[in-house]
Protein backbone atom coordinates (compact mmCIF):
# COMPACT_ATOMS: atom_id res chain seq x y z
CA MET A 1 21.67 -2.56 -49.82
CA ALA A 2 23.60 0.92 -50.17
CA LEU A 3 21.30 3.97 -51.04
CA SER A 4 21.86 6.48 -53.99
CA SER A 5 21.04 9.79 -53.54
CA ASP A 6 21.27 10.07 -57.49
CA ASP A 7 19.40 7.51 -59.26
CA LEU A 8 15.81 7.30 -58.39
CA SER A 9 14.80 4.72 -60.57
CA GLY A 10 14.72 1.74 -58.22
CA THR A 11 12.30 3.62 -55.88
CA GLN A 12 9.03 3.84 -55.02
CA ALA A 13 6.79 6.99 -54.26
CA LEU A 14 3.69 8.07 -52.65
CA VAL A 15 1.82 11.38 -53.22
CA ILE A 16 -0.71 12.24 -50.90
CA ASP A 17 -3.01 15.29 -51.64
CA SER A 18 -7.04 15.76 -51.81
CA ASN A 19 -6.48 18.10 -54.44
CA PRO A 20 -6.78 16.12 -57.86
CA THR A 21 -4.92 18.71 -59.77
CA SER A 22 -1.89 19.29 -57.28
CA ARG A 23 -2.02 15.53 -56.74
CA ALA A 24 -1.47 15.18 -60.76
CA ILE A 25 1.16 17.81 -60.77
CA LEU A 26 3.18 15.93 -58.12
CA VAL A 27 2.71 12.62 -59.51
CA THR A 28 4.30 14.16 -62.98
CA GLN A 29 7.07 15.73 -61.46
CA LEU A 30 8.30 12.64 -59.61
CA ARG A 31 8.49 10.66 -62.80
CA GLU A 32 9.91 13.62 -64.60
CA PHE A 33 12.94 13.10 -61.83
CA GLY A 34 13.11 9.22 -62.60
CA VAL A 35 11.36 7.99 -59.94
CA GLY A 36 10.48 4.02 -60.65
CA ARG A 37 6.82 3.86 -59.39
CA VAL A 38 4.59 6.48 -57.99
CA ALA A 39 1.10 5.77 -56.23
CA GLN A 40 -1.24 8.45 -54.90
CA SER A 41 -3.86 9.01 -52.42
CA SER A 42 -6.54 11.38 -52.01
CA ARG A 43 -7.20 10.49 -47.99
CA ILE A 44 -5.48 10.32 -45.05
CA ALA A 45 -7.02 7.10 -43.79
CA ASP A 46 -6.48 5.44 -47.05
CA ALA A 47 -2.67 6.83 -47.24
CA ARG A 48 -2.31 5.75 -43.57
CA ARG A 49 -3.29 2.01 -44.93
CA GLN A 50 -0.85 2.02 -47.87
CA LEU A 51 2.15 3.15 -45.64
CA GLU A 52 1.26 0.54 -43.12
CA THR A 53 1.35 -2.05 -45.73
CA GLN A 54 3.76 -1.11 -48.53
CA ARG A 55 7.46 0.66 -47.86
CA TYR A 56 7.94 4.03 -49.79
CA ASP A 57 11.14 5.50 -50.69
CA VAL A 58 9.36 8.90 -50.96
CA VAL A 59 6.27 10.61 -49.36
CA LEU A 60 4.79 13.94 -50.75
CA CYS A 61 1.96 14.87 -48.59
CA GLU A 62 -0.48 17.82 -48.50
CA HIS A 63 -0.77 19.46 -44.90
CA TYR A 64 -3.93 20.37 -45.51
CA PHE A 65 -7.09 18.25 -46.31
CA GLN A 66 -10.53 19.80 -46.83
CA ASP A 67 -13.40 18.19 -44.92
CA SER A 68 -11.11 16.33 -42.81
CA ALA A 69 -10.05 16.79 -39.13
CA SER A 70 -6.69 15.27 -39.75
CA SER A 71 -4.00 16.67 -41.17
CA GLY A 72 -0.87 15.48 -42.91
CA GLN A 73 1.53 16.53 -39.73
CA ASP A 74 -1.17 14.02 -38.00
CA LEU A 75 -0.18 11.19 -40.49
CA LEU A 76 3.44 11.70 -39.95
CA ASP A 77 3.33 11.65 -36.35
CA ASP A 78 1.19 9.06 -35.74
CA LEU A 79 3.32 7.20 -38.12
CA ARG A 80 6.73 8.20 -36.65
CA ARG A 81 5.36 7.29 -33.23
CA ASN A 82 4.26 3.80 -34.15
CA GLN A 83 7.47 2.74 -35.89
CA LEU A 84 5.76 2.43 -39.02
CA LEU A 85 8.04 4.73 -41.32
CA PRO A 86 11.72 3.69 -41.81
CA PHE A 87 14.61 5.89 -41.58
CA SER A 88 15.37 5.40 -45.30
CA THR A 89 11.78 6.95 -46.43
CA VAL A 90 12.03 10.68 -47.39
CA PHE A 91 9.23 12.61 -46.19
CA ILE A 92 8.13 15.89 -47.70
CA MET A 93 5.29 18.05 -46.66
CA VAL A 94 3.71 20.26 -49.07
CA THR A 95 1.67 23.18 -47.97
CA PHE A 96 0.09 26.64 -48.89
CA GLU A 97 1.72 29.69 -47.46
CA ALA A 98 -0.82 30.40 -44.79
CA THR A 99 -0.13 27.16 -42.77
CA TYR A 100 3.54 27.59 -43.31
CA ALA A 101 4.13 28.96 -40.03
CA LYS A 102 2.62 25.93 -38.31
CA VAL A 103 4.48 23.53 -40.43
CA ALA A 104 7.63 24.85 -39.85
CA GLU A 105 7.52 24.46 -36.12
CA ALA A 106 6.86 21.23 -36.62
CA ALA A 107 9.58 20.45 -39.47
CA GLU A 108 12.82 20.06 -37.30
CA SER A 109 10.76 17.14 -35.47
CA ALA A 110 10.14 14.81 -37.92
CA LEU A 111 10.10 16.13 -41.46
CA ASP A 112 13.14 15.69 -43.82
CA SER A 113 12.02 18.78 -46.01
CA TYR A 114 8.80 20.94 -46.28
CA LEU A 115 7.84 22.39 -49.44
CA LEU A 116 5.25 25.74 -50.38
CA LYS A 117 2.76 25.87 -52.92
CA PRO A 118 2.47 26.93 -55.58
CA HIS A 119 6.09 25.43 -56.12
CA ARG A 120 8.64 24.97 -59.40
CA ALA A 121 9.74 21.34 -60.47
CA SER A 122 13.38 22.25 -59.51
CA SER A 123 12.80 23.21 -56.10
CA LEU A 124 10.91 19.85 -55.36
CA GLU A 125 13.65 18.10 -56.81
CA PHE A 126 16.43 19.91 -55.01
CA ARG A 127 14.67 19.26 -51.60
CA LEU A 128 14.10 15.57 -52.93
CA ARG A 129 17.89 14.77 -53.36
CA GLN A 130 18.92 16.95 -50.54
CA ALA A 131 17.15 14.86 -48.21
CA ARG A 132 18.21 11.51 -50.16
CA ASP A 133 21.51 12.92 -49.90
CA ARG A 134 21.19 13.20 -46.07
CA LYS A 135 20.07 9.58 -45.71
CA VAL A 136 23.31 8.45 -47.61
CA SER A 137 25.66 10.80 -45.66
CA LEU A 138 24.01 8.98 -42.60
CA GLU A 139 23.83 5.33 -43.80
CA SER A 140 26.44 3.87 -41.57
CA ILE A 141 24.33 5.14 -38.33
CA PHE A 142 20.84 3.38 -39.61
CA GLU A 143 23.01 0.43 -40.79
CA ALA A 144 23.89 -0.14 -37.29
CA ILE A 145 20.74 0.76 -35.58
CA GLU A 146 19.31 -1.50 -38.07
CA VAL A 147 21.28 -4.65 -36.61
CA GLU A 148 20.56 -3.19 -32.95
CA ASP A 149 23.96 -2.27 -32.50
CA PHE A 150 23.00 0.88 -30.57
CA GLU A 151 26.36 1.57 -28.97
CA LYS A 152 27.93 1.60 -32.58
CA ALA A 153 25.71 4.04 -33.55
CA ALA A 154 25.47 6.28 -30.75
CA GLU A 155 29.09 6.66 -30.82
CA LEU A 156 29.55 7.85 -34.63
CA CYS A 157 26.57 9.95 -33.79
CA LEU A 158 28.35 11.67 -31.31
CA GLU A 159 31.56 11.90 -33.39
CA ARG A 160 30.11 13.48 -35.86
CA PHE A 161 28.21 16.06 -33.54
CA LYS A 162 31.75 16.90 -31.93
CA THR A 163 33.24 17.35 -35.32
CA ARG A 164 30.47 19.67 -36.74
CA GLY A 165 30.19 16.90 -39.59
CA GLU A 166 27.85 16.60 -42.23
CA TYR A 167 24.09 16.85 -40.88
CA TRP A 168 25.77 17.11 -37.25
CA LEU A 169 22.57 18.40 -35.61
CA TYR A 170 20.17 15.55 -37.26
CA ALA A 171 23.09 13.01 -35.96
CA ALA A 172 22.49 14.61 -32.55
CA ARG A 173 19.01 13.92 -32.19
CA ILE A 174 19.55 10.45 -33.68
CA GLY A 175 22.12 9.84 -31.04
CA ALA A 176 20.39 11.23 -27.95
CA GLU A 177 17.51 8.95 -28.82
CA LEU A 178 20.23 5.90 -28.85
CA LEU A 179 21.87 7.31 -25.76
CA LEU A 180 18.39 7.30 -24.09
CA ARG A 181 17.59 3.75 -25.47
CA VAL A 182 21.04 2.29 -24.01
CA GLY A 183 20.15 3.71 -20.56
CA ARG A 184 23.07 6.41 -20.58
CA HIS A 185 20.20 9.12 -19.86
CA GLN A 186 22.77 11.68 -18.38
CA GLU A 187 24.90 11.69 -21.61
CA ALA A 188 21.57 12.32 -23.35
CA GLN A 189 20.45 15.42 -21.29
CA GLN A 190 23.78 16.69 -21.96
CA LEU A 191 23.83 15.95 -25.62
CA TYR A 192 20.27 17.52 -26.00
CA GLN A 193 21.55 20.58 -23.70
CA ALA A 194 24.02 21.17 -26.45
CA VAL A 195 21.98 21.13 -29.04
CA ILE A 196 20.05 23.95 -27.37
CA ASP A 197 23.17 25.92 -26.51
CA ALA A 198 23.94 25.61 -30.44
CA GLN A 199 20.43 26.23 -31.95
CA THR A 200 17.50 26.15 -29.66
CA LEU A 201 14.96 23.71 -31.04
CA PRO A 202 11.79 22.56 -29.51
CA TRP A 203 12.62 18.77 -29.83
CA ALA A 204 16.06 19.29 -28.07
CA LYS A 205 14.32 21.22 -24.66
CA LEU A 206 11.69 18.08 -25.08
CA GLY A 207 14.63 15.73 -25.18
CA VAL A 208 16.25 17.46 -21.57
CA ALA A 209 12.50 16.90 -20.28
CA ARG A 210 12.75 13.13 -21.28
CA SER A 211 16.50 12.72 -20.35
CA MET A 212 15.21 14.08 -16.82
CA VAL A 213 11.93 11.41 -16.75
CA GLU A 214 14.36 8.73 -17.47
CA SER A 215 17.20 9.48 -14.94
CA GLY A 216 14.28 10.11 -12.01
CA GLN A 217 14.22 13.54 -11.93
CA LYS A 218 10.65 13.59 -12.75
CA ALA A 219 9.54 16.67 -10.88
CA ASN A 220 12.02 18.61 -12.57
CA ALA A 221 10.60 17.33 -15.92
CA VAL A 222 7.36 18.22 -15.06
CA THR A 223 8.48 21.97 -14.48
CA MET A 224 9.98 21.89 -17.58
CA LEU A 225 7.15 20.67 -19.81
CA GLU A 226 4.65 22.56 -18.14
CA LYS A 227 6.68 25.72 -19.23
CA MET A 228 7.06 24.21 -22.61
CA VAL A 229 3.20 24.22 -23.13
CA SER A 230 2.53 27.23 -21.38
CA GLU A 231 5.20 28.94 -24.25
CA ASP A 232 3.62 26.72 -27.04
CA PRO A 233 0.50 25.47 -26.35
CA GLN A 234 0.01 23.67 -29.46
CA TYR A 235 3.03 21.37 -29.12
CA SER A 236 1.40 18.13 -28.84
CA ASP A 237 4.15 15.75 -28.33
CA ALA A 238 5.38 17.69 -25.10
CA TYR A 239 1.89 16.98 -23.66
CA ASP A 240 2.57 13.08 -24.50
CA VAL A 241 5.64 13.53 -22.17
CA LEU A 242 4.06 15.59 -19.62
CA GLY A 243 0.97 12.82 -19.58
CA ARG A 244 3.53 10.11 -19.14
CA VAL A 245 5.30 11.55 -16.15
CA HIS A 246 1.91 12.31 -14.53
CA MET A 247 1.22 8.86 -14.82
CA GLU A 248 4.87 7.54 -13.59
CA LEU A 249 4.08 9.84 -10.51
CA GLY A 250 0.52 8.30 -10.20
CA ASN A 251 -1.16 11.89 -10.70
CA PHE A 252 -4.07 10.13 -13.11
CA GLU A 253 -6.67 12.77 -12.96
CA GLN A 254 -3.79 15.02 -14.21
CA ALA A 255 -2.41 12.74 -16.77
CA ARG A 256 -6.25 12.20 -18.13
CA ALA A 257 -6.28 16.46 -18.13
CA VAL A 258 -3.23 16.34 -20.43
CA TYR A 259 -4.03 13.40 -22.67
CA LYS A 260 -7.40 14.99 -23.35
CA THR A 261 -5.60 18.49 -24.36
CA ALA A 262 -3.22 16.32 -26.48
CA ASN A 263 -6.40 14.43 -27.86
CA GLU A 264 -7.94 17.80 -28.74
CA LEU A 265 -5.00 19.14 -30.57
CA THR A 266 -4.73 15.64 -32.84
CA PRO A 267 -8.39 14.25 -32.74
CA THR A 268 -7.46 11.72 -35.66
CA SER A 269 -4.25 10.36 -33.88
CA ILE A 270 -5.14 7.28 -33.14
CA SER A 271 -2.56 6.65 -30.38
CA ARG A 272 -3.56 9.65 -28.36
CA LEU A 273 -7.39 8.97 -28.30
CA GLN A 274 -6.21 5.33 -27.34
CA ASN A 275 -4.18 7.02 -24.18
CA LEU A 276 -7.15 9.36 -23.43
CA ALA A 277 -9.44 6.38 -23.56
CA THR A 278 -7.45 4.09 -21.35
CA ILE A 279 -6.67 6.69 -18.62
CA THR A 280 -10.51 7.56 -18.46
CA PHE A 281 -11.34 3.85 -18.07
CA TYR A 282 -9.10 3.36 -14.79
CA ALA A 283 -10.02 6.76 -13.32
CA GLY A 284 -13.31 4.81 -12.98
CA ASP A 285 -15.24 6.98 -15.67
CA TRP A 286 -16.40 3.55 -17.43
CA GLU A 287 -19.63 5.57 -19.26
CA GLU A 288 -17.21 8.31 -20.72
CA ALA A 289 -14.52 5.55 -21.49
CA GLU A 290 -17.14 3.62 -23.27
CA LYS A 291 -17.35 6.06 -25.94
CA LEU A 292 -13.78 7.05 -25.98
CA LEU A 293 -12.94 3.32 -26.61
CA ALA A 294 -15.64 2.81 -29.00
CA ARG A 295 -14.39 6.09 -30.92
CA THR A 296 -10.98 4.49 -31.06
CA THR A 297 -12.20 1.29 -32.20
CA ARG A 298 -14.20 2.63 -35.43
CA MET A 299 -11.20 4.70 -36.54
CA GLY A 300 -8.29 2.63 -35.87
CA ARG A 301 -9.32 -1.20 -35.88
CA ASP A 302 -7.89 -1.60 -39.09
CA SER A 303 -4.66 0.00 -38.34
CA LYS A 304 -1.22 -1.21 -37.17
CA MET A 305 -1.55 1.67 -34.25
CA PHE A 306 -4.69 -0.13 -32.85
CA ASP A 307 -3.86 -1.79 -29.78
CA THR A 308 -6.32 -4.63 -28.77
CA GLN A 309 -6.22 -3.67 -25.37
CA THR A 310 -8.58 -1.26 -26.43
CA LEU A 311 -11.41 -4.25 -27.14
CA VAL A 312 -10.78 -5.76 -23.93
CA LEU A 313 -11.39 -2.55 -21.92
CA LEU A 314 -14.45 -1.90 -23.90
CA ALA A 315 -15.64 -5.18 -23.53
CA PHE A 316 -15.46 -4.52 -19.84
CA THR A 317 -17.14 -1.37 -20.17
CA ARG A 318 -19.98 -2.93 -22.22
CA LEU A 319 -20.61 -5.85 -19.79
CA GLU A 320 -20.79 -3.45 -17.07
CA ASN A 321 -23.50 -1.04 -19.15
CA HIS A 322 -25.57 -4.09 -20.07
CA HIS A 323 -24.77 -3.79 -24.08
CA ALA A 324 -24.79 -7.60 -24.84
CA LYS A 325 -24.80 -7.17 -28.60
CA ALA A 326 -21.73 -4.30 -28.21
CA LEU A 327 -19.94 -6.80 -26.10
CA GLN A 328 -20.22 -9.86 -28.77
CA HIS A 329 -18.73 -7.06 -31.50
CA CYS A 330 -15.71 -7.06 -29.28
CA HIS A 331 -15.04 -10.52 -29.06
CA ASP A 332 -15.42 -10.55 -33.04
CA ASP A 333 -13.50 -8.03 -33.64
CA LEU A 334 -10.81 -9.53 -31.64
CA ALA A 335 -11.12 -12.66 -33.33
CA GLN A 336 -10.72 -10.73 -36.95
CA LEU A 337 -7.33 -9.36 -35.43
CA ALA A 338 -5.94 -12.80 -34.17
CA GLU A 339 -3.88 -13.57 -37.53
CA LYS A 340 -2.35 -9.83 -37.46
CA ALA A 341 -1.23 -10.10 -33.51
CA LEU A 342 2.54 -9.28 -33.18
CA ASP A 343 2.35 -11.30 -29.69
CA PRO A 344 -0.03 -14.34 -30.22
CA ALA A 345 0.39 -15.22 -26.61
CA ARG A 346 -0.91 -11.54 -25.37
CA HIS A 347 -3.61 -11.75 -27.74
CA ALA A 348 -4.72 -15.07 -26.22
CA ARG A 349 -4.73 -13.80 -22.82
CA GLN A 350 -6.93 -11.10 -24.07
CA THR A 351 -8.92 -13.20 -25.54
CA ASP A 352 -9.50 -15.44 -22.34
CA ILE A 353 -10.56 -12.14 -20.83
CA VAL A 354 -13.16 -11.35 -23.07
CA ASN A 355 -14.74 -14.61 -23.60
CA THR A 356 -15.29 -14.83 -19.99
CA LEU A 357 -17.45 -11.99 -19.77
CA LEU A 358 -19.57 -13.48 -22.49
CA LEU A 359 -19.84 -16.47 -20.14
CA ILE A 360 -20.56 -13.90 -17.38
CA GLN A 361 -23.29 -12.32 -19.46
CA ASP A 362 -24.68 -15.86 -20.15
CA SER A 363 -24.65 -16.31 -16.51
CA GLN A 364 -22.66 -19.53 -16.96
CA PHE A 365 -21.18 -18.89 -13.41
CA SER A 366 -19.54 -22.37 -12.86
CA ARG A 367 -17.59 -22.07 -16.29
CA VAL A 368 -16.87 -18.44 -15.40
CA VAL A 369 -14.97 -19.95 -12.00
CA SER A 370 -13.23 -22.83 -13.44
CA THR A 371 -12.08 -20.46 -16.35
CA LEU A 372 -10.46 -18.11 -13.64
CA ARG A 373 -8.73 -20.59 -11.90
CA ALA A 374 -7.18 -21.57 -15.22
CA MET A 375 -6.08 -18.06 -15.22
CA ALA A 376 -4.60 -18.43 -11.86
CA GLN A 377 -2.30 -20.92 -12.93
CA ARG A 378 -0.44 -18.69 -15.25
CA VAL A 379 0.18 -15.79 -12.87
CA ARG A 380 3.63 -16.62 -12.09
CA ASP A 381 4.59 -17.14 -15.73
CA PRO A 382 7.26 -15.14 -17.10
CA GLU A 383 5.32 -13.87 -19.87
CA PHE A 384 2.25 -12.79 -17.57
CA ASP A 385 2.79 -9.12 -17.38
CA PHE A 386 1.21 -6.00 -16.07
CA GLU A 387 -1.57 -5.57 -18.35
CA SER A 388 -2.64 -9.11 -17.62
CA ALA A 389 -2.71 -8.66 -14.05
CA SER A 390 -4.75 -5.70 -14.44
CA ASN A 391 -7.26 -7.19 -16.64
CA LEU A 392 -7.69 -10.28 -14.21
CA LEU A 393 -7.87 -7.98 -11.13
CA ILE A 394 -10.58 -6.01 -13.15
CA LEU A 395 -12.38 -9.64 -14.17
CA ILE A 396 -12.27 -10.34 -10.10
CA GLY A 397 -14.04 -7.24 -9.50
CA LEU A 398 -16.60 -7.65 -11.93
CA MET A 399 -17.31 -11.46 -10.89
CA SER A 400 -17.67 -10.15 -7.37
CA LEU A 401 -20.25 -7.18 -7.99
CA LYS A 402 -22.05 -10.18 -10.05
CA SER A 403 -22.13 -12.27 -6.63
CA ILE A 404 -19.85 -14.86 -8.35
CA GLN A 405 -17.95 -16.62 -5.64
CA LEU A 406 -14.07 -17.80 -5.70
CA ASP A 407 -13.21 -18.81 -2.70
CA GLU A 408 -9.03 -18.27 -2.94
CA VAL A 409 -9.72 -14.95 -4.51
CA THR A 410 -7.74 -13.19 -1.46
CA TYR A 411 -4.63 -15.36 -2.62
CA LEU A 412 -4.88 -14.71 -5.92
CA ILE A 413 -5.27 -10.74 -5.34
CA ASP A 414 -1.78 -11.17 -3.15
CA ALA A 415 -0.48 -13.07 -6.10
CA LEU A 416 -0.96 -10.52 -8.21
CA GLY A 417 -0.11 -7.54 -5.89
CA LEU A 418 3.26 -8.76 -4.64
CA ARG A 419 4.10 -9.52 -7.98
CA PHE A 420 3.38 -6.29 -9.55
CA CYS A 421 3.42 -3.71 -7.30
CA THR A 422 6.58 -2.17 -7.76
CA SER A 423 5.90 1.54 -7.14
CA ARG A 424 3.04 3.56 -5.87
CA PRO A 425 1.62 4.44 -9.12
CA MET A 426 1.69 0.89 -10.47
CA SER A 427 -0.17 -0.18 -7.27
CA GLU A 428 -2.99 2.46 -7.28
CA LEU A 429 -3.44 1.57 -11.19
CA LEU A 430 -3.81 -2.20 -9.94
CA ALA A 431 -6.18 -0.98 -7.48
CA SER A 432 -8.65 0.90 -9.81
CA GLY A 433 -9.32 -2.40 -11.37
CA VAL A 434 -11.26 -3.33 -7.87
CA ALA A 435 -12.04 0.11 -6.55
CA LYS A 436 -15.68 -0.97 -6.11
CA GLN A 437 -14.47 -3.37 -3.69
CA PRO A 438 -12.38 -1.42 -1.29
CA GLU A 439 -11.52 -4.61 0.71
CA TYR A 440 -9.63 -6.36 -2.67
CA ALA A 441 -8.31 -2.53 -3.12
CA GLN A 442 -6.91 -2.44 0.22
CA ARG A 443 -5.14 -5.88 -0.37
CA ILE A 444 -3.21 -4.30 -3.45
CA ARG A 445 -1.73 -1.47 -1.46
CA ASP A 446 -0.96 -3.42 1.27
CA CYS A 447 1.23 -5.56 -1.01
CA GLN A 448 3.04 -2.49 -2.05
CA VAL A 449 3.52 -1.87 1.59
CA ARG A 450 4.73 -5.04 2.38
CA ILE A 451 7.36 -4.97 -1.33
CA SER A 452 8.55 -1.40 0.51
CA LYS A 453 9.38 -3.03 3.91
CA ALA A 454 10.80 -6.32 1.95
CA THR A 455 13.50 -3.83 0.30
CA ASP A 456 14.30 -1.27 3.07
CA ASP A 457 14.99 -4.16 5.17
CA ALA A 458 17.26 -5.72 2.85
CA LEU A 459 19.27 -2.38 1.86
CA THR A 460 19.50 -1.88 5.78
CA LEU A 461 21.79 -5.03 6.03
CA SER A 462 23.78 -3.84 3.13
CA LEU A 463 24.29 -0.47 5.09
CA ARG A 464 25.18 -2.67 8.13
CA GLY A 465 28.12 -3.95 6.15
CA ASP A 466 26.54 -7.36 5.08
CA PRO A 467 26.01 -7.33 1.38
CA THR A 468 25.95 -10.76 0.59
CA ALA A 469 22.95 -10.95 3.28
CA ALA A 470 21.26 -8.35 1.54
CA PHE A 471 21.67 -9.93 -2.02
CA ASP A 472 20.46 -12.92 -0.85
CA ARG A 473 17.65 -11.70 1.05
CA LEU A 474 16.43 -9.91 -2.06
CA VAL A 475 16.55 -12.75 -4.43
CA GLU A 476 14.97 -15.27 -2.23
CA SER A 477 12.00 -12.60 -1.97
CA GLY A 478 12.24 -11.91 -5.55
CA GLU A 479 12.05 -15.41 -6.48
CA ALA A 480 8.99 -16.10 -4.46
CA THR A 481 7.29 -13.09 -5.70
CA ARG A 482 8.85 -12.61 -9.20
CA ASN A 483 8.53 -8.54 -8.17
CA ALA A 484 10.89 -6.81 -10.60
CA LYS A 485 11.56 -4.03 -7.86
CA LEU A 486 12.95 -6.59 -5.79
CA ILE A 487 15.05 -8.24 -8.41
CA GLU A 488 16.48 -4.87 -9.73
CA THR A 489 17.13 -3.82 -6.18
CA ALA A 490 19.37 -6.96 -5.78
CA TYR A 491 21.01 -6.06 -9.15
CA LEU A 492 21.82 -2.86 -7.81
CA VAL A 493 23.13 -4.30 -4.61
CA HIS A 494 25.53 -6.65 -6.38
CA GLN A 495 26.62 -3.93 -8.71
CA ARG A 496 27.47 -1.64 -6.06
CA TYR A 497 29.00 -4.31 -3.35
CA GLU A 498 30.46 -7.04 -5.72
CA ALA A 499 34.01 -6.79 -4.18
CA LYS A 500 32.26 -7.34 -0.80
CA ILE A 501 29.78 -10.04 -1.91
CA GLN A 502 30.90 -13.76 -1.35
CA ASP A 503 30.56 -15.79 -4.61
CA ALA A 504 30.11 -12.98 -6.69
CA PRO A 505 30.27 -14.61 -10.60
CA MET A 506 27.68 -17.25 -9.06
CA ARG A 507 25.44 -14.63 -7.67
CA ALA A 508 25.46 -12.47 -11.01
CA GLU A 509 24.59 -15.70 -12.72
CA THR A 510 21.27 -16.08 -10.43
CA ILE A 511 20.33 -12.29 -10.59
CA GLY A 512 21.23 -12.24 -14.50
CA LYS A 513 18.65 -14.90 -15.12
CA LEU A 514 16.20 -13.51 -12.89
CA ARG A 515 16.17 -10.13 -14.66
CA THR A 516 15.84 -11.83 -18.13
CA LEU A 517 12.96 -13.56 -16.91
CA TYR A 518 10.69 -11.03 -14.96
CA SER A 519 12.24 -7.24 -14.24
CA THR A 520 12.77 -5.47 -17.62
CA ALA A 521 9.23 -5.02 -18.56
CA ASN A 522 7.57 -4.69 -15.32
CA LEU A 523 9.45 -1.25 -13.70
CA ARG A 524 7.48 1.42 -15.68
CA GLN A 525 4.09 2.76 -16.04
CA THR A 526 2.09 1.47 -18.83
CA VAL A 527 -1.15 2.33 -20.53
CA GLY A 528 -1.55 -0.37 -23.16
CA ALA A 529 0.87 -1.73 -25.26
CA PRO A 530 4.49 0.92 -25.23
CA ALA A 531 4.95 1.87 -28.84
CA ARG A 532 7.06 4.36 -28.71
CA GLN A 533 8.64 7.03 -26.71
CA ALA A 534 6.52 10.33 -26.62
CA GLY A 535 8.20 13.17 -28.21
CA GLY A 536 10.89 11.30 -29.66
CA LEU A 537 12.33 9.71 -33.06
CA VAL A 538 11.37 6.25 -33.20
CA LEU A 539 14.34 3.96 -33.83
CA ARG A 540 13.21 1.46 -36.35
CA THR A 541 14.85 -1.86 -36.03
CA SER A 542 14.68 -5.09 -37.42
CA SER A 543 13.01 -6.83 -34.48
CA ARG A 544 10.82 -3.47 -33.95
CA VAL A 545 11.54 -3.74 -29.96
CA THR A 546 10.45 -0.67 -28.01
CA PRO A 547 12.80 1.30 -25.92
CA GLU A 548 10.70 0.49 -22.74
CA ARG A 549 11.28 -3.24 -23.64
CA ARG A 550 15.29 -3.25 -23.80
CA THR A 551 16.21 -0.90 -21.41
CA VAL A 552 15.96 -1.66 -17.54
CA PRO A 553 15.51 1.67 -15.41
CA ARG A 554 16.70 1.82 -12.12
CA PRO A 555 14.48 1.62 -9.45
CA GLU A 556 14.16 3.91 -6.64
CA PRO A 557 15.44 2.34 -3.74
CA GLN A 558 12.83 2.18 -1.13
CA THR A 559 12.28 -1.23 0.36
CA GLN A 560 11.30 -5.92 0.94
CA LEU A 561 9.04 -9.10 1.09
CA GLN A 562 9.20 -12.92 1.59
CA PRO A 563 8.22 -16.24 0.63
CA GLU A 564 5.80 -17.63 -2.06
CA VAL A 565 2.21 -16.84 -2.73
CA GLN A 566 0.23 -19.46 -4.56
CA PRO A 567 -3.39 -18.63 -5.82
CA HIS A 568 -5.05 -21.74 -3.81
CA PRO A 569 -6.33 -21.72 -0.42
CA GLU A 570 -4.57 -24.83 0.41
CA THR A 571 -1.20 -22.76 0.91
CA ASP A 572 -1.81 -20.82 4.34
CA SER A 573 1.75 -19.55 4.40
CA ASP A 574 1.77 -15.47 4.46
CA PRO A 575 4.20 -14.04 1.97
CA ALA A 576 5.20 -11.19 3.96
C-alpha cells in the first residue's frame, strides 16, 4: 500500500520516555497531528518487546533514561542490526541539549530525525512530516527491496545519487548496502568514497572499510578501522566491524578485546554481549564465558535478538563446571523457545546437543554413544552447518574428558574437518572446541592442510593448460567432502576458463547444484547466527534473509583433497 506523508489517520505510533510529563506531551501532540493510535512505554526493555511484536509507523524515543544503562540510541542500534525495524517506520530521537552532540554524531547512521527538548509542537510535526516525505520519495526503492529485487533497487539508488535527486545522500547509503549484498564490492566501495568526497560522514568511511572486507582487503580494512576508533573511541559500529575482521583473520584474542570494548560502550546491547560471550567461550575461558552467557540469557532470553546458540554454549560450560541444576535450566529455556524458532531444524540440532549433555551428567554413557552415532549420520546433510560441526566437536571433546569411548571418533573428526575447514581461521575455531585433546585439534588442522593441498594441486592443472581436469578434480573432491572452498574454487575455474572446458554447460549445471547445497553459507567466519552486517543499514525483506546467507564470497585461491570420508570404522579409505 502506498505511503502518504500527509494523512496520519491510519498510522500507529509509539512514544518511549521515562518521564511521565514529557511522555504525555508527546502523546498529546501526536494525536493533535492526526495519528490514529498512540501507544507508550516508560522503559527500554518494555519498548523493545513492543517493537518486536508490533509494527509501528512512528517511534518517538528519548535518548536518556534515568536509572538505566541503556539509551534510546542503544535500542535503535539493536533494532536496526537485528532487522526488527522496517524502512517505512519513522524513528525520531528526542533529547535535552546536554546530550545533543552524542545524538547528532549517530544521527546520520540510523535516525530519521532528532529533536531537542523543550520543543514546539510545530517543530515535531515538521520533522515527522519531513521524514514521512522521505519515505514516500524513496518508496520505489523500498518496494524493490521488499520483493528482493536488489539489482533494481541498487540501480534506482545509483541513479538518484548521480543526478543528486531528492534525498540522494540517503539513497546512496541504501545503494551501497545493496551493492554489498549482491557481491558488487568494488562498486560499493566507490560509492562510499563518492559520499565521503561529497560530504565526509562516519557511516560512509565505515562503508569503505566494510567494502574492503568483502573484497578481501582485510589488512587494509583493519588499518582503516583502527584509525577510525582512535579518532572516535565511541563509534561502536566501527568496533563491530573491526571485531568481525579479526575473527575472519583468525585473531581471536584481538577480536575478543574489540568485542569487549564494544560491549562496554553499549552494555545493554544483546547482540554485542552475545558476540563477547561467544568469543570468550571459544578462547577457552569457560569460567568467564559462563558469566557472560548467563547474563546474555537473563537480559535477552525473551527477545527476538537472542540467539539460542547462547544456551548451547552455556550448557557446555555448566556441565564442565558441574552446575547440574543450571544445566537443566538451559534445557528448559531451549524447550520454551522452540515455538519461536525461525529455523526449527537448527533448534532441533541444538536441543539434541543439550539433551546429550544431560545424559552425560546422569552418567548414561551408552545412550550418549548411541546419540552421538545418530548425530554422525547427519554430518553430510546439506543443512548440517558450521555451527553444528563446532557443537559436535565440543561434545566429542567433553566425552573424551569423561572417558566415554567412541571407536569411530577419528573418522568423525576427519569428516567434520574435511567438510568445514575452508580457511585457517575456521579451522582454528573448530580446533578450539577440542583444544584439551591436542591430538584431536591436530587432526582438524591436518584437514585444513589437506584441503589446501587439494585446491593447490587442482589449480596447478589449470595453470598447465588443463582446466577441465582441474574442474573435475575439484568437483570430485568437493562431492566427497562437501567442502565449500573446493566447490567455490571449482566454480571460479569454470567461470574463468569456460571457453576451454569440455562440455561446459553440463559441468555448469553440476557445480550449480553443489553450490546451492553446500557452499554459500560455509565460507565466512561466523559467531552464532549471523543477523546483520555490522555497521550497516539493515535491508529488511519479506523473507528476512541476511546478507551473509545471500551472497557467495570469493574464496582466496589456495588449494585440494579427495575421497569420501565416512564417520564409521568400516570405511578404511583415507580421504586425502
